[in-house]
C-alpha atoms as a PDB file:
ATOM      1  CA  MET A   1      -2.055  13.131  -1.610  1.00  0.00           C
ATOM      2  CA  THR A   2      -4.606  14.936   0.557  1.00  0.00           C
ATOM      3  CA  PRO A   3      -3.115  18.175   1.969  1.00  0.00           C
ATOM      4  CA  ILE A   4      -5.906  18.964   4.438  1.00  0.00           C
ATOM      5  CA  MET A   5      -8.424  16.521   5.827  1.00  0.00           C
ATOM      6  CA  ASP A   6     -11.022  16.597   8.557  1.00  0.00           C
ATOM      7  CA  GLY A   7     -11.823  13.650  10.778  1.00  0.00           C
ATOM      8  CA  ASN A   8     -15.221  12.993   9.213  1.00  0.00           C
ATOM      9  CA  THR A   9     -14.129  12.934   5.576  1.00  0.00           C
ATOM     10  CA  ALA A  10     -10.983  10.942   6.380  1.00  0.00           C
ATOM     11  CA  ALA A  11     -13.144   8.123   7.724  1.00  0.00           C
ATOM     12  CA  ALA A  12     -14.674   7.687   4.266  1.00  0.00           C
ATOM     13  CA  ARG A  13     -11.315   7.524   2.464  1.00  0.00           C
ATOM     14  CA  HIS A  14      -9.022   4.616   1.877  1.00  0.00           C
ATOM     15  CA  LEU A  15      -5.716   4.499   3.734  1.00  0.00           C
ATOM     16  CA  VAL A  16      -2.955   3.551   1.288  1.00  0.00           C
ATOM     17  CA  VAL A  17       0.438   2.233   2.414  1.00  0.00           C
ATOM     18  CA  VAL A  18       2.953   2.364  -0.416  1.00  0.00           C
ATOM     19  CA  GLY A  19       6.709   2.215  -0.841  1.00  0.00           C
ATOM     20  CA  PRO A  20       9.496   0.194  -2.452  1.00  0.00           C
ATOM     21  CA  MET A  21       9.700  -3.595  -2.406  1.00  0.00           C
ATOM     22  CA  ALA A  22      10.581  -5.109   1.007  1.00  0.00           C
ATOM     23  CA  VAL A  23       9.919  -1.879   2.872  1.00  0.00           C
ATOM     24  CA  GLY A  24       7.240  -3.536   5.039  1.00  0.00           C
ATOM     25  CA  LYS A  25       3.994  -2.510   3.349  1.00  0.00           C
ATOM     26  CA  THR A  26       2.107  -5.731   4.085  1.00  0.00           C
ATOM     27  CA  THR A  27       3.179  -5.893   7.734  1.00  0.00           C
ATOM     28  CA  VAL A  28       2.328  -2.265   8.441  1.00  0.00           C
ATOM     29  CA  ALA A  29      -0.906  -2.307   6.433  1.00  0.00           C
ATOM     30  CA  THR A  30      -2.083  -5.468   8.199  1.00  0.00           C
ATOM     31  CA  ALA A  31      -1.489  -3.903  11.612  1.00  0.00           C
ATOM     32  CA  LEU A  32      -3.221  -0.665  10.605  1.00  0.00           C
ATOM     33  CA  ALA A  33      -6.196  -2.587   9.231  1.00  0.00           C
ATOM     34  CA  GLY A  34      -6.505  -4.317  12.585  1.00  0.00           C
ATOM     35  CA  ARG A  35      -6.328  -1.066  14.525  1.00  0.00           C
ATOM     36  CA  LEU A  36      -8.849   0.685  12.311  1.00  0.00           C
ATOM     37  CA  GLY A  37     -11.208  -2.249  11.829  1.00  0.00           C
ATOM     38  CA  ARG A  38     -10.864  -2.037   8.052  1.00  0.00           C
ATOM     39  CA  PRO A  39     -10.497  -4.727   5.403  1.00  0.00           C
ATOM     40  CA  LEU A  40      -7.036  -5.169   3.900  1.00  0.00           C
ATOM     41  CA  ARG A  41      -6.349  -5.068   0.159  1.00  0.00           C
ATOM     42  CA  ASP A  42      -2.800  -6.235  -0.385  1.00  0.00           C
ATOM     43  CA  SER A  43      -1.426  -6.537  -3.916  1.00  0.00           C
ATOM     44  CA  ASP A  44       0.603  -9.712  -3.324  1.00  0.00           C
ATOM     45  CA  ASP A  45      -2.156 -11.455  -1.373  1.00  0.00           C
ATOM     46  CA  ASP A  46      -4.849 -10.520  -3.876  1.00  0.00           C
ATOM     47  CA  LEU A  47      -2.731 -11.711  -6.805  1.00  0.00           C
ATOM     48  CA  ALA A  48      -2.234 -15.058  -5.079  1.00  0.00           C
ATOM     49  CA  ALA A  49      -5.951 -15.321  -4.259  1.00  0.00           C
ATOM     50  CA  GLU A  50      -7.128 -14.301  -7.751  1.00  0.00           C
ATOM     51  CA  ARG A  51      -4.634 -16.146  -9.944  1.00  0.00           C
ATOM     52  CA  GLY A  52      -2.781 -18.502  -7.623  1.00  0.00           C
ATOM     53  CA  ILE A  53       0.615 -17.053  -8.533  1.00  0.00           C
ATOM     54  CA  THR A  54       3.226 -14.620  -7.228  1.00  0.00           C
ATOM     55  CA  GLY A  55       4.500 -11.453  -8.821  1.00  0.00           C
ATOM     56  CA  ARG A  56       7.657 -13.340  -9.743  1.00  0.00           C
ATOM     57  CA  ASP A  57       5.537 -15.974 -11.519  1.00  0.00           C
ATOM     58  CA  LEU A  58       3.527 -13.412 -13.468  1.00  0.00           C
ATOM     59  CA  ALA A  59       6.621 -11.468 -14.535  1.00  0.00           C
ATOM     60  CA  ALA A  60       8.342 -14.667 -15.668  1.00  0.00           C
ATOM     61  CA  ALA A  61       5.305 -15.912 -17.620  1.00  0.00           C
ATOM     62  CA  GLU A  62       3.996 -12.701 -19.190  1.00  0.00           C
ATOM     63  CA  GLY A  63       6.682 -10.078 -18.640  1.00  0.00           C
ATOM     64  CA  VAL A  64       7.255  -7.233 -16.189  1.00  0.00           C
ATOM     65  CA  ALA A  65       4.895  -4.954 -18.130  1.00  0.00           C
ATOM     66  CA  ALA A  66       2.028  -7.411 -17.588  1.00  0.00           C
ATOM     67  CA  LEU A  67       2.804  -7.561 -13.862  1.00  0.00           C
ATOM     68  CA  HIS A  68       2.765  -3.770 -13.630  1.00  0.00           C
ATOM     69  CA  ARG A  69      -0.552  -3.602 -15.515  1.00  0.00           C
ATOM     70  CA  TRP A  70      -2.078  -6.053 -13.048  1.00  0.00           C
ATOM     71  CA  GLU A  71      -0.691  -4.072 -10.118  1.00  0.00           C
ATOM     72  CA  ALA A  72      -2.081  -0.794 -11.459  1.00  0.00           C
ATOM     73  CA  ASP A  73      -5.492  -2.353 -12.102  1.00  0.00           C
ATOM     74  CA  HIS A  74      -5.457  -3.803  -8.589  1.00  0.00           C
ATOM     75  CA  LEU A  75      -4.881  -0.395  -6.998  1.00  0.00           C
ATOM     76  CA  LEU A  76      -7.524   1.312  -9.139  1.00  0.00           C
ATOM     77  CA  GLY A  77     -10.014  -1.426  -8.295  1.00  0.00           C
ATOM     78  CA  ALA A  78      -9.258  -1.254  -4.578  1.00  0.00           C
ATOM     79  CA  LEU A  79      -9.653   2.536  -4.527  1.00  0.00           C
ATOM     80  CA  ALA A  80     -12.987   2.216  -6.334  1.00  0.00           C
ATOM     81  CA  GLY A  81     -14.348   0.017  -3.552  1.00  0.00           C
ATOM     82  CA  PRO A  82     -17.111   1.638  -1.466  1.00  0.00           C
ATOM     83  CA  THR A  83     -15.903   0.319   1.910  1.00  0.00           C
ATOM     84  CA  PRO A  84     -12.964   2.269   3.402  1.00  0.00           C
ATOM     85  CA  ALA A  85     -10.019  -0.124   3.414  1.00  0.00           C
ATOM     86  CA  VAL A  86      -6.304  -0.219   4.071  1.00  0.00           C
ATOM     87  CA  VAL A  87      -4.630  -0.743   0.700  1.00  0.00           C
ATOM     88  CA  ALA A  88      -1.067  -1.995   0.188  1.00  0.00           C
ATOM     89  CA  PRO A  89      -0.330  -1.588  -3.535  1.00  0.00           C
ATOM     90  CA  ALA A  90       2.823  -2.504  -5.413  1.00  0.00           C
ATOM     91  CA  ALA A  91       5.639   0.013  -5.667  1.00  0.00           C
ATOM     92  CA  SER A  92       5.207   0.178  -9.448  1.00  0.00           C
ATOM     93  CA  THR A  93       1.818   1.871  -9.120  1.00  0.00           C
ATOM     94  CA  VAL A  94       3.408   5.302  -8.568  1.00  0.00           C
ATOM     95  CA  ASP A  95       4.836   5.043 -12.111  1.00  0.00           C
ATOM     96  CA  ASP A  96       1.288   5.088 -13.510  1.00  0.00           C
ATOM     97  CA  PRO A  97      -0.313   8.547 -13.962  1.00  0.00           C
ATOM     98  CA  ALA A  98      -3.830   7.133 -13.525  1.00  0.00           C
ATOM     99  CA  CYS A  99      -2.839   5.561 -10.210  1.00  0.00           C
ATOM    100  CA  ARG A 100      -1.233   8.761  -8.950  1.00  0.00           C
ATOM    101  CA  ALA A 101      -4.374  10.691  -9.848  1.00  0.00           C
ATOM    102  CA  ALA A 102      -6.596   8.110  -8.154  1.00  0.00           C
ATOM    103  CA  LEU A 103      -4.583   8.440  -4.927  1.00  0.00           C
ATOM    104  CA  GLU A 104      -5.301  12.165  -4.696  1.00  0.00           C
ATOM    105  CA  PRO A 105      -8.466  11.999  -2.517  1.00  0.00           C
ATOM    106  CA  HIS A 106      -7.105   9.340  -0.164  1.00  0.00           C
ATOM    107  CA  VAL A 107      -4.728   9.209   2.804  1.00  0.00           C
ATOM    108  CA  VAL A 108      -1.325   7.981   1.617  1.00  0.00           C
ATOM    109  CA  VAL A 109       1.486   6.671   3.807  1.00  0.00           C
ATOM    110  CA  VAL A 110       4.829   6.251   2.064  1.00  0.00           C
ATOM    111  CA  LEU A 111       7.326   3.909   3.732  1.00  0.00           C
ATOM    112  CA  THR A 112      11.028   4.283   2.939  1.00  0.00           C
ATOM    113  CA  ALA A 113      14.298   2.563   3.825  1.00  0.00           C
ATOM    114  CA  PRO A 114      17.887   2.682   2.553  1.00  0.00           C
ATOM    115  CA  ALA A 115      18.629   0.514  -0.474  1.00  0.00           C
ATOM    116  CA  GLU A 116      21.032  -1.718   1.459  1.00  0.00           C
ATOM    117  CA  VAL A 117      18.344  -2.423   4.064  1.00  0.00           C
ATOM    118  CA  LEU A 118      15.747  -3.274   1.412  1.00  0.00           C
ATOM    119  CA  ALA A 119      18.154  -5.547  -0.454  1.00  0.00           C
ATOM    120  CA  ALA A 120      19.028  -7.382   2.769  1.00  0.00           C
ATOM    121  CA  ARG A 121      15.326  -8.042   3.424  1.00  0.00           C
ATOM    122  CA  MET A 122      14.796  -9.718   0.061  1.00  0.00           C
ATOM    123  CA  ALA A 123      15.089 -13.472  -0.402  1.00  0.00           C
ATOM    124  CA  PRO A 124      15.230 -15.576  -3.583  1.00  0.00           C
ATOM    125  CA  ASP A 125      12.006 -17.393  -2.681  1.00  0.00           C
ATOM    126  CA  ASP A 126       9.906 -14.479  -1.373  1.00  0.00           C
ATOM    127  CA  GLY A 127       7.737 -14.214  -4.497  1.00  0.00           C
ATOM    128  CA  ARG A 128       9.020 -10.809  -5.616  1.00  0.00           C
ATOM    129  CA  ARG A 129      10.137 -10.401  -9.204  1.00  0.00           C
ATOM    130  CA  SER A 130      13.862 -10.790  -9.749  1.00  0.00           C
ATOM    131  CA  LEU A 131      15.883  -7.577  -9.888  1.00  0.00           C
ATOM    132  CA  GLY A 132      18.970  -9.188 -11.383  1.00  0.00           C
ATOM    133  CA  PRO A 133      22.346 -10.191  -9.954  1.00  0.00           C
ATOM    134  CA  ASP A 134      23.028  -6.901  -8.124  1.00  0.00           C
ATOM    135  CA  THR A 135      19.894  -6.460  -6.031  1.00  0.00           C
ATOM    136  CA  GLU A 136      21.137  -3.467  -4.049  1.00  0.00           C
ATOM    137  CA  ALA A 137      22.091  -1.522  -7.172  1.00  0.00           C
ATOM    138  CA  ALA A 138      18.724  -2.305  -8.769  1.00  0.00           C
ATOM    139  CA  VAL A 139      16.861  -1.206  -5.640  1.00  0.00           C
ATOM    140  CA  ALA A 140      18.863   2.031  -5.478  1.00  0.00           C
ATOM    141  CA  ASP A 141      18.088   2.732  -9.143  1.00  0.00           C
ATOM    142  CA  LEU A 142      14.351   2.132  -8.651  1.00  0.00           C
ATOM    143  CA  ASP A 143      14.319   4.320  -5.550  1.00  0.00           C
ATOM    144  CA  GLU A 144      16.026   7.153  -7.387  1.00  0.00           C
ATOM    145  CA  ARG A 145      13.562   6.972 -10.278  1.00  0.00           C
ATOM    146  CA  ARG A 146      10.490   6.752  -8.033  1.00  0.00           C
ATOM    147  CA  ALA A 147      11.467   9.086  -5.178  1.00  0.00           C
ATOM    148  CA  ALA A 148       9.757  12.163  -6.623  1.00  0.00           C
ATOM    149  CA  ALA A 149       6.559  10.226  -7.370  1.00  0.00           C
ATOM    150  CA  PHE A 150       6.438   8.810  -3.831  1.00  0.00           C
ATOM    151  CA  ARG A 151       6.911  12.288  -2.346  1.00  0.00           C
ATOM    152  CA  ALA A 152       4.210  13.699  -4.615  1.00  0.00           C
ATOM    153  CA  VAL A 153       1.525  11.320  -3.340  1.00  0.00           C
ATOM    154  CA  ALA A 154       2.590  11.202   0.330  1.00  0.00           C
ATOM    155  CA  ASP A 155       0.594  12.596   3.213  1.00  0.00           C
ATOM    156  CA  VAL A 156       2.946  10.840   5.632  1.00  0.00           C
ATOM    157  CA  GLU A 157       6.464   9.523   5.047  1.00  0.00           C
ATOM    158  CA  ILE A 158       8.062   7.082   7.515  1.00  0.00           C
ATOM    159  CA  ASP A 159      11.552   5.565   7.360  1.00  0.00           C
ATOM    160  CA  THR A 160      11.396   1.885   8.363  1.00  0.00           C
ATOM    161  CA  GLY A 161      15.128   1.245   8.094  1.00  0.00           C
ATOM    162  CA  ALA A 162      15.987   1.523  11.790  1.00  0.00           C
ATOM    163  CA  ARG A 163      12.541   0.722  13.194  1.00  0.00           C
ATOM    164  CA  THR A 164      10.977  -2.577  14.186  1.00  0.00           C
ATOM    165  CA  PRO A 165       7.585  -3.330  12.617  1.00  0.00           C
ATOM    166  CA  ALA A 166       5.828  -2.351  15.848  1.00  0.00           C
ATOM    167  CA  GLU A 167       7.740   0.927  16.039  1.00  0.00           C
ATOM    168  CA  THR A 168       6.893   1.657  12.420  1.00  0.00           C
ATOM    169  CA  VAL A 169       3.187   1.094  13.021  1.00  0.00           C
ATOM    170  CA  ASP A 170       3.290   3.410  16.060  1.00  0.00           C
ATOM    171  CA  ALA A 171       5.155   6.050  14.044  1.00  0.00           C
ATOM    172  CA  VAL A 172       2.571   5.869  11.257  1.00  0.00           C
ATOM    173  CA  ALA A 173      -0.307   6.152  13.730  1.00  0.00           C
ATOM    174  CA  ASP A 174       1.301   9.173  15.420  1.00  0.00           C
ATOM    175  CA  ALA A 175       1.944  10.845  12.072  1.00  0.00           C
ATOM    176  CA  LEU A 176      -1.630  10.276  10.917  1.00  0.00           C
ATOM    177  CA  ALA A 177      -2.966  11.766  14.139  1.00  0.00           C
ATOM    178  CA  GLY A 178      -0.865  14.872  13.506  1.00  0.00           C
ATOM    179  CA  LEU A 179      -2.194  15.554  10.014  1.00  0.00           C
ATOM    180  CA  PRO A 180      -3.862  18.962   9.527  1.00  0.00           C
ATOM    181  CA  GLY A 181      -7.445  18.817  10.676  1.00  0.00           C
ATOM    182  CA  GLY A 182      -6.933  15.552  12.552  1.00  0.00           C
ATOM    183  CA  GLY A 183      -6.954  13.517   9.361  1.00  0.00           C
ATOM    184  CA  ALA A 184      -6.291  10.102  10.882  1.00  0.00           C
ATOM    185  CA  PRO A 185      -8.918   7.635   9.618  1.00  0.00           C
ATOM    186  CA  ALA A 186     -11.291   6.472  12.311  1.00  0.00           C
ATOM    187  CA  PRO A 187     -12.184   2.823  12.974  1.00  0.00           C
ATOM    188  CA  THR A 188     -15.154   1.830  10.821  1.00  0.00           C
ATOM    189  CA  ARG A 189     -15.874  -1.876  11.464  1.00  0.00           C
ATOM    190  CA  VAL A 190     -14.764  -5.016  13.238  1.00  0.00           C
ATOM    191  CA  SER A 191     -11.602  -6.219  11.497  1.00  0.00           C
ATOM    192  CA  HIS A 192     -11.265  -9.867  12.548  1.00  0.00           C
ATOM    193  CA  VAL A 193     -11.566 -12.431  15.330  1.00  0.00           C
ATOM    194  CA  GLY A 194      -8.356 -13.928  16.729  1.00  0.00           C
ATOM    195  CA  ILE A 195      -8.162 -17.607  17.736  1.00  0.00           C
ATOM    196  CA  CYS A 196      -5.172 -19.126  19.541  1.00  0.00           C
ATOM    197  CA  VAL A 197      -4.477 -22.641  18.214  1.00  0.00           C
ATOM    198  CA  ALA A 198      -2.196 -25.491  19.277  1.00  0.00           C
ATOM    199  CA  ASP A 199      -1.618 -26.904  15.770  1.00  0.00           C
ATOM    200  CA  MET A 200      -1.603 -24.414  12.897  1.00  0.00           C
ATOM    201  CA  ASP A 201      -1.715 -26.977  10.074  1.00  0.00           C
ATOM    202  CA  ARG A 202      -4.600 -28.892  11.627  1.00  0.00           C
ATOM    203  CA  SER A 203      -6.558 -25.718  12.392  1.00  0.00           C
ATOM    204  CA  LEU A 204      -5.964 -24.341   8.915  1.00  0.00           C
ATOM    205  CA  ARG A 205      -7.305 -27.504   7.339  1.00  0.00           C
ATOM    206  CA  PHE A 206     -10.385 -27.372   9.571  1.00  0.00           C
ATOM    207  CA  TYR A 207     -11.310 -23.753   8.862  1.00  0.00           C
ATOM    208  CA  ARG A 208     -10.299 -23.873   5.205  1.00  0.00           C
ATOM    209  CA  ASP A 209     -11.361 -27.370   4.118  1.00  0.00           C
ATOM    210  CA  GLY A 210     -14.126 -27.925   6.645  1.00  0.00           C
ATOM    211  CA  LEU A 211     -15.742 -24.501   6.907  1.00  0.00           C
ATOM    212  CA  GLY A 212     -14.845 -22.977   3.568  1.00  0.00           C
ATOM    213  CA  PHE A 213     -12.609 -20.105   4.668  1.00  0.00           C
ATOM    214  CA  GLN A 214      -9.898 -18.953   2.254  1.00  0.00           C
ATOM    215  CA  ALA A 215      -6.376 -18.269   3.490  1.00  0.00           C
ATOM    216  CA  THR A 216      -5.468 -14.660   2.635  1.00  0.00           C
ATOM    217  CA  HIS A 217      -2.122 -13.826   4.204  1.00  0.00           C
ATOM    218  CA  ASP A 218       0.201 -14.833   7.012  1.00  0.00           C
ATOM    219  CA  PHE A 219       3.222 -13.434   8.813  1.00  0.00           C
ATOM    220  CA  SER A 220       5.505 -14.060  11.772  1.00  0.00           C
ATOM    221  CA  VAL A 221       5.648 -11.917  14.901  1.00  0.00           C
ATOM    222  CA  GLY A 222       8.705 -11.578  17.107  1.00  0.00           C
ATOM    223  CA  PRO A 223       9.583 -10.095  20.505  1.00  0.00           C
ATOM    224  CA  GLU A 224       9.157  -6.542  19.181  1.00  0.00           C
ATOM    225  CA  PHE A 225       5.381  -7.085  19.538  1.00  0.00           C
ATOM    226  CA  GLY A 226       5.649  -8.314  23.131  1.00  0.00           C
ATOM    227  CA  ARG A 227       4.451  -5.037  24.637  1.00  0.00           C
ATOM    228  CA  LEU A 228       1.423  -4.913  22.330  1.00  0.00           C
ATOM    229  CA  MET A 229       0.479  -8.528  23.111  1.00  0.00           C
ATOM    230  CA  GLU A 230       1.446  -8.328  26.783  1.00  0.00           C
ATOM    231  CA  VAL A 231       3.566 -11.474  26.362  1.00  0.00           C
ATOM    232  CA  ASP A 232       7.318 -11.215  26.931  1.00  0.00           C
ATOM    233  CA  GLY A 233       9.595 -12.896  24.395  1.00  0.00           C
ATOM    234  CA  VAL A 234       6.700 -13.689  22.079  1.00  0.00           C
ATOM    235  CA  ARG A 235       7.243 -15.532  18.809  1.00  0.00           C
ATOM    236  CA  LEU A 236       4.190 -16.576  16.835  1.00  0.00           C
ATOM    237  CA  HIS A 237       2.811 -17.352  13.399  1.00  0.00           C
ATOM    238  CA  SER A 238      -0.359 -15.545  12.306  1.00  0.00           C
ATOM    239  CA  GLN A 239      -2.612 -16.873   9.536  1.00  0.00           C
ATOM    240  CA  PHE A 240      -5.574 -14.830   8.290  1.00  0.00           C
ATOM    241  CA  LEU A 241      -8.574 -16.487   6.639  1.00  0.00           C
ATOM    242  CA  ARG A 242     -11.688 -14.924   5.159  1.00  0.00           C
ATOM    243  CA  ARG A 243     -15.179 -15.997   4.165  1.00  0.00           C
ATOM    244  CA  ASP A 244     -18.247 -13.911   3.248  1.00  0.00           C
ATOM    245  CA  GLY A 245     -16.652 -10.719   4.528  1.00  0.00           C
ATOM    246  CA  VAL A 246     -15.633 -12.240   7.882  1.00  0.00           C
ATOM    247  CA  SER A 247     -11.952 -12.588   8.759  1.00  0.00           C
ATOM    248  CA  ILE A 248     -10.408 -14.769  11.443  1.00  0.00           C
ATOM    249  CA  GLU A 249      -6.794 -14.849  12.568  1.00  0.00           C
ATOM    250  CA  LEU A 250      -5.243 -18.118  13.722  1.00  0.00           C
ATOM    251  CA  LEU A 251      -2.411 -17.522  16.193  1.00  0.00           C
ATOM    252  CA  HIS A 252       0.148 -20.214  16.933  1.00  0.00           C
ATOM    253  CA  PHE A 253       2.622 -19.309  19.674  1.00  0.00           C
ATOM    254  CA  ALA A 254       6.078 -20.860  19.336  1.00  0.00           C
ATOM    255  CA  GLU A 255       7.223 -18.957  22.423  1.00  0.00           C
ATOM    256  CA  PRO A 256       6.171 -18.976  25.203  1.00  0.00           C
ATOM    257  CA  GLY A 257       3.625 -21.475  23.938  1.00  0.00           C
ATOM    258  CA  GLN A 258      -0.100 -21.788  24.461  1.00  0.00           C
ATOM    259  CA  SER A 259      -1.835 -21.863  27.817  1.00  0.00           C
ATOM    260  CA  GLY A 260      -5.029 -23.686  28.709  1.00  0.00           C
ATOM    261  CA  ASP A 261      -6.143 -27.181  27.764  1.00  0.00           C
ATOM    262  CA  GLY A 262      -8.407 -26.295  24.840  1.00  0.00           C
ATOM    263  CA  SER A 263     -11.477 -27.794  26.482  1.00  0.00           C
ATOM    264  CA  ARG A 264     -14.916 -26.596  25.412  1.00  0.00           C
ATOM    265  CA  ARG A 265     -16.194 -23.593  27.340  1.00  0.00           C
ATOM    266  CA  PRO A 266     -19.770 -23.302  28.626  1.00  0.00           C
ATOM    267  CA  VAL A 267     -21.535 -20.389  26.954  1.00  0.00           C
ATOM    268  CA  ASN A 268     -22.322 -18.747  30.305  1.00  0.00           C
ATOM    269  CA  ARG A 269     -18.602 -18.250  31.068  1.00  0.00           C
ATOM    270  CA  LEU A 270     -17.559 -14.617  30.801  1.00  0.00           C
ATOM    271  CA  GLY A 271     -15.737 -13.746  27.583  1.00  0.00           C
ATOM    272  CA  PHE A 272     -15.929 -14.835  23.968  1.00  0.00           C
ATOM    273  CA  THR A 273     -18.376 -17.735  23.540  1.00  0.00           C
ATOM    274  CA  HIS A 274     -18.724 -18.684  19.882  1.00  0.00           C
ATOM    275  CA  LEU A 275     -18.169 -17.929  16.186  1.00  0.00           C
ATOM    276  CA  SER A 276     -21.356 -18.267  14.135  1.00  0.00           C
ATOM    277  CA  ILE A 277     -21.131 -19.133  10.418  1.00  0.00           C
ATOM    278  CA  ARG A 278     -24.162 -19.044   8.099  1.00  0.00           C
ATOM    279  CA  VAL A 279     -24.300 -21.940   5.614  1.00  0.00           C
ATOM    280  CA  PRO A 280     -26.912 -22.979   3.031  1.00  0.00           C
ATOM    281  CA  ASP A 281     -27.072 -26.594   4.259  1.00  0.00           C
ATOM    282  CA  VAL A 282     -26.320 -27.242   7.953  1.00  0.00           C
ATOM    283  CA  THR A 283     -26.291 -31.042   7.624  1.00  0.00           C
ATOM    284  CA  ALA A 284     -23.831 -30.996   4.722  1.00  0.00           C
ATOM    285  CA  ALA A 285     -21.627 -28.418   6.428  1.00  0.00           C
ATOM    286  CA  ALA A 286     -21.524 -30.449   9.636  1.00  0.00           C
ATOM    287  CA  ALA A 287     -20.585 -33.598   7.726  1.00  0.00           C
ATOM    288  CA  ARG A 288     -17.840 -31.775   5.840  1.00  0.00           C
ATOM    289  CA  SER A 289     -16.487 -30.319   9.096  1.00  0.00           C
ATOM    290  CA  ARG A 290     -16.375 -33.752  10.724  1.00  0.00           C
ATOM    291  CA  ARG A 291     -14.325 -35.053   7.814  1.00  0.00           C
ATOM    292  CA  ALA A 292     -11.844 -32.163   8.052  1.00  0.00           C
ATOM    293  CA  PRO A 293      -8.523 -33.119   9.711  1.00  0.00           C
ATOM    294  CA  GLY A 294      -8.867 -30.491  12.445  1.00  0.00           C
ATOM    295  CA  TRP A 295     -12.260 -31.663  13.746  1.00  0.00           C
ATOM    296  CA  THR A 296     -12.332 -31.991  17.549  1.00  0.00           C
ATOM    297  CA  GLY A 297     -16.067 -31.871  18.229  1.00  0.00           C
ATOM    298  CA  GLY A 298     -18.454 -34.596  19.210  1.00  0.00           C
END
């Protein structure tokens, strides 16, 4: 927790979004990373990328204690990174004294929601570790045990229970702007490039298999983001991919659908013209791209 921050020093700190399971950490942290132009370090995504498993898998194979050790190490490693990031750690990290101490210099947003809301958001196949037959009671027990620790590290506390994801992100941004000394972190770098696609599976295979990007995280967006996207009734699937520090976001619109015919644009047309990717062997990369299922070039 950072009681007083100035705008300059806040820009050099990590922004940490923490809270109980299913409170919306990944969704809110992803949106904040986009607004601030910062990389995202998400515990669930990084576990999947590093070990190819979910938290549920790790807990089942090695025990809950092993999962919590990994989650604590993940937070400590993310906070040690030199580039200011948005970090979404696991809820268990506030149980660890070393993690609480490491959070002290950084800007910490704690998200909360009633136990019944959190339990309703959980699904058997969402990758979270099992909390037993009575999920709501288990969530309430965890919240009670961790409430003081969450409050101790919080610079900002936002209840997500009655808010849409977009409203939560706006509430967090407003709260950060109101911190003493104007402590809201400032944008530091370009976050990602967004690409609207007609076929998500085909595009994913092209960028991943053909160009070597790694899928990092994905989420669905509903009508609550219509005002932000200036598209009424929007429903879309977003898939982030990353390679060599560059992130792209593939956007597939289920409603109202894509516009345009996808034809190649001349480079002298106003607007975005190209995405340039450095490779060690252009000939080999071109051949691999042509073999990828999403290839549409000549």
